[in-house]
Amino acid sequence: MRRGDLTRLIRILGMLGSDHDGERAAAALAADRLVRGSGWSWSDLLAPARVWRPVRAQSVDPLTDRLAAADSRMRQLRSENARLQEEIRRLKRRLDLRTQPFRPADEKSPAASG
């Protein structure tokens, strides 16, 4: 069901608590039309969603799973950090080469002439 339809349904269902019989009946009819017009049934809308959960062969301590996940994430972050540090070093070398003054190849260096 679209979000706008769901919002509208919530407002309509709020009218079911009215003190007036006709207003309650009109709200129930409007809600039913909205649900069916959206291609849903009341059971589709109200039944709890079935969540598929894999069955574990053995019981595992949830804390252990979290520690293993945290350890794995730390290894990933360390690896990424090392990669980024290497990239920074590489970029600094490139920047240093660009900021050095240009010397033609045929120009002798002062150390070589001495």
C-alpha atoms as a PDB file:
ATOM      1  CA  MET A   1       0.000   0.000   0.000  1.00  0.00           C
ATOM      2  CA  ARG A   2       1.338   3.419  -0.901  1.00  0.00           C
ATOM      3  CA  ARG A   3       2.347   5.747   1.894  1.00  0.00           C
ATOM      4  CA  GLY A   4      -0.359   8.298   1.026  1.00  0.00           C
ATOM      5  CA  ASP A   5      -3.045   5.599   1.041  1.00  0.00           C
ATOM      6  CA  LEU A   6      -1.795   4.317   4.365  1.00  0.00           C
ATOM      7  CA  THR A   7      -1.942   7.812   5.860  1.00  0.00           C
ATOM      8  CA  ARG A   8      -5.465   8.231   4.546  1.00  0.00           C
ATOM      9  CA  LEU A   9      -6.484   4.840   5.960  1.00  0.00           C
ATOM     10  CA  ILE A  10      -5.148   5.811   9.386  1.00  0.00           C
ATOM     11  CA  ARG A  11      -7.247   8.969   9.331  1.00  0.00           C
ATOM     12  CA  ILE A  12     -10.352   7.055   8.232  1.00  0.00           C
ATOM     13  CA  LEU A  13      -9.866   4.406  10.928  1.00  0.00           C
ATOM     14  CA  GLY A  14      -9.643   7.166  13.515  1.00  0.00           C
ATOM     15  CA  MET A  15     -13.273   7.997  12.693  1.00  0.00           C
ATOM     16  CA  LEU A  16     -14.393   4.520  13.839  1.00  0.00           C
ATOM     17  CA  GLY A  17     -14.454   5.854  17.391  1.00  0.00           C
ATOM     18  CA  SER A  18     -17.110   8.436  16.550  1.00  0.00           C
ATOM     19  CA  ASP A  19     -20.214   8.776  18.698  1.00  0.00           C
ATOM     20  CA  HIS A  20     -22.342   8.848  15.546  1.00  0.00           C
ATOM     21  CA  ASP A  21     -23.466   5.559  14.003  1.00  0.00           C
ATOM     22  CA  GLY A  22     -23.585   6.944  10.473  1.00  0.00           C
ATOM     23  CA  GLU A  23     -20.077   8.369  10.716  1.00  0.00           C
ATOM     24  CA  ARG A  24     -18.713   5.035  11.957  1.00  0.00           C
ATOM     25  CA  ALA A  25     -20.462   3.151   9.155  1.00  0.00           C
ATOM     26  CA  ALA A  26     -19.222   5.627   6.535  1.00  0.00           C
ATOM     27  CA  ALA A  27     -15.668   5.346   7.890  1.00  0.00           C
ATOM     28  CA  ALA A  28     -15.786   1.542   7.786  1.00  0.00           C
ATOM     29  CA  LEU A  29     -17.069   1.597   4.192  1.00  0.00           C
ATOM     30  CA  ALA A  30     -14.450   4.168   3.147  1.00  0.00           C
ATOM     31  CA  ALA A  31     -11.667   2.110   4.756  1.00  0.00           C
ATOM     32  CA  ASP A  32     -12.831  -1.080   3.046  1.00  0.00           C
ATOM     33  CA  ARG A  33     -13.011   0.647  -0.348  1.00  0.00           C
ATOM     34  CA  LEU A  34      -9.553   2.141   0.124  1.00  0.00           C
ATOM     35  CA  VAL A  35      -7.976  -1.193   1.080  1.00  0.00           C
ATOM     36  CA  ARG A  36      -9.620  -3.153  -1.732  1.00  0.00           C
ATOM     37  CA  GLY A  37      -9.046  -0.345  -4.232  1.00  0.00           C
ATOM     38  CA  SER A  38      -5.334  -0.507  -3.468  1.00  0.00           C
ATOM     39  CA  GLY A  39      -5.311  -4.189  -4.408  1.00  0.00           C
ATOM     40  CA  TRP A  40      -4.943  -5.392  -0.835  1.00  0.00           C
ATOM     41  CA  SER A  41      -7.134  -7.482   1.405  1.00  0.00           C
ATOM     42  CA  TRP A  42      -7.641  -6.895   5.102  1.00  0.00           C
ATOM     43  CA  SER A  43      -5.724 -10.083   5.906  1.00  0.00           C
ATOM     44  CA  ASP A  44      -2.804  -8.904   3.736  1.00  0.00           C
ATOM     45  CA  LEU A  45      -2.773  -5.634   5.585  1.00  0.00           C
ATOM     46  CA  LEU A  46      -3.218  -6.922   9.132  1.00  0.00           C
ATOM     47  CA  ALA A  47      -1.390 -10.266   9.101  1.00  0.00           C
ATOM     48  CA  PRO A  48       2.083 -10.058  10.586  1.00  0.00           C
ATOM     49  CA  ALA A  49       4.839 -10.198   8.025  1.00  0.00           C
ATOM     50  CA  ARG A  50       6.552 -13.532   7.934  1.00  0.00           C
ATOM     51  CA  VAL A  51      10.214 -13.124   8.581  1.00  0.00           C
ATOM     52  CA  TRP A  52      12.467 -15.840   7.296  1.00  0.00           C
ATOM     53  CA  ARG A  53      15.174 -16.661   9.766  1.00  0.00           C
ATOM     54  CA  PRO A  54      17.746 -19.331   9.111  1.00  0.00           C
ATOM     55  CA  VAL A  55      17.865 -22.098  11.669  1.00  0.00           C
ATOM     56  CA  ARG A  56      21.264 -22.346  13.295  1.00  0.00           C
ATOM     57  CA  ALA A  57      22.747 -25.773  13.698  1.00  0.00           C
ATOM     58  CA  GLN A  58      24.107 -24.847  17.089  1.00  0.00           C
ATOM     59  CA  SER A  59      23.370 -22.170  19.593  1.00  0.00           C
ATOM     60  CA  VAL A  60      25.810 -19.281  19.405  1.00  0.00           C
ATOM     61  CA  ASP A  61      26.233 -16.656  22.072  1.00  0.00           C
ATOM     62  CA  PRO A  62      24.955 -13.339  20.641  1.00  0.00           C
ATOM     63  CA  LEU A  63      27.778 -11.493  22.381  1.00  0.00           C
ATOM     64  CA  THR A  64      30.325 -13.674  20.591  1.00  0.00           C
ATOM     65  CA  ASP A  65      28.704 -12.865  17.255  1.00  0.00           C
ATOM     66  CA  ARG A  66      28.927  -9.147  18.021  1.00  0.00           C
ATOM     67  CA  LEU A  67      32.546  -9.443  19.080  1.00  0.00           C
ATOM     68  CA  ALA A  68      33.397 -11.359  15.918  1.00  0.00           C
ATOM     69  CA  ALA A  69      31.581  -8.762  13.821  1.00  0.00           C
ATOM     70  CA  ALA A  70      33.374  -5.920  15.586  1.00  0.00           C
ATOM     71  CA  ASP A  71      36.731  -7.663  15.155  1.00  0.00           C
ATOM     72  CA  SER A  72      36.039  -8.178  11.466  1.00  0.00           C
ATOM     73  CA  ARG A  73      35.065  -4.537  11.035  1.00  0.00           C
ATOM     74  CA  MET A  74      38.224  -3.401  12.823  1.00  0.00           C
ATOM     75  CA  ARG A  75      40.338  -5.474  10.411  1.00  0.00           C
ATOM     76  CA  GLN A  76      38.513  -3.911   7.468  1.00  0.00           C
ATOM     77  CA  LEU A  77      39.044  -0.398   8.847  1.00  0.00           C
ATOM     78  CA  ARG A  78      42.750  -1.008   9.513  1.00  0.00           C
ATOM     79  CA  SER A  79      43.198  -2.281   5.980  1.00  0.00           C
ATOM     80  CA  GLU A  80      41.378   0.727   4.553  1.00  0.00           C
ATOM     81  CA  ASN A  81      43.404   3.050   6.761  1.00  0.00           C
ATOM     82  CA  ALA A  82      46.692   1.539   5.514  1.00  0.00           C
ATOM     83  CA  ARG A  83      45.516   1.850   1.913  1.00  0.00           C
ATOM     84  CA  LEU A  84      44.553   5.497   2.423  1.00  0.00           C
ATOM     85  CA  GLN A  85      47.865   6.306   4.116  1.00  0.00           C
ATOM     86  CA  GLU A  86      49.720   4.816   1.162  1.00  0.00           C
ATOM     87  CA  GLU A  87      47.591   6.856  -1.223  1.00  0.00           C
ATOM     88  CA  ILE A  88      48.406  10.025   0.749  1.00  0.00           C
ATOM     89  CA  ARG A  89      52.149   9.251   0.531  1.00  0.00           C
ATOM     90  CA  ARG A  90      51.841   8.664  -3.217  1.00  0.00           C
ATOM     91  CA  LEU A  91      49.939  11.922  -3.733  1.00  0.00           C
ATOM     92  CA  LYS A  92      52.451  13.869  -1.635  1.00  0.00           C
ATOM     93  CA  ARG A  93      55.290  12.532  -3.810  1.00  0.00           C
ATOM     94  CA  ARG A  94      53.431  13.598  -6.935  1.00  0.00           C
ATOM     95  CA  LEU A  95      52.776  17.029  -5.457  1.00  0.00           C
ATOM     96  CA  ASP A  96      56.442  17.412  -4.475  1.00  0.00           C
ATOM     97  CA  LEU A  97      57.495  16.581  -8.046  1.00  0.00           C
ATOM     98  CA  ARG A  98      55.120  19.210  -9.428  1.00  0.00           C
ATOM     99  CA  THR A  99      56.303  21.942  -7.072  1.00  0.00           C
ATOM    100  CA  GLN A 100      60.019  21.438  -7.813  1.00  0.00           C
ATOM    101  CA  PRO A 101      61.403  23.991 -10.275  1.00  0.00           C
ATOM    102  CA  PHE A 102      61.858  22.725 -13.813  1.00  0.00           C
ATOM    103  CA  ARG A 103      65.454  22.056 -14.861  1.00  0.00           C
ATOM    104  CA  PRO A 104      66.231  21.305 -18.487  1.00  0.00           C
ATOM    105  CA  ALA A 105      68.096  18.040 -19.029  1.00  0.00           C
ATOM    106  CA  ASP A 106      71.112  19.717 -20.709  1.00  0.00           C
ATOM    107  CA  GLU A 107      71.654  22.082 -17.753  1.00  0.00           C
ATOM    108  CA  LYS A 108      74.409  20.813 -15.510  1.00  0.00           C
ATOM    109  CA  SER A 109      73.743  20.620 -11.831  1.00  0.00           C
ATOM    110  CA  PRO A 110      75.973  22.771  -9.569  1.00  0.00           C
ATOM    111  CA  ALA A 111      77.330  19.662  -7.838  1.00  0.00           C
ATOM    112  CA  ALA A 112      78.481  18.119 -11.134  1.00  0.00           C
ATOM    113  CA  SER A 113      80.456  21.210 -12.246  1.00  0.00           C
ATOM    114  CA  GLY A 114      82.639  21.364  -9.116  1.00  0.00           C
END
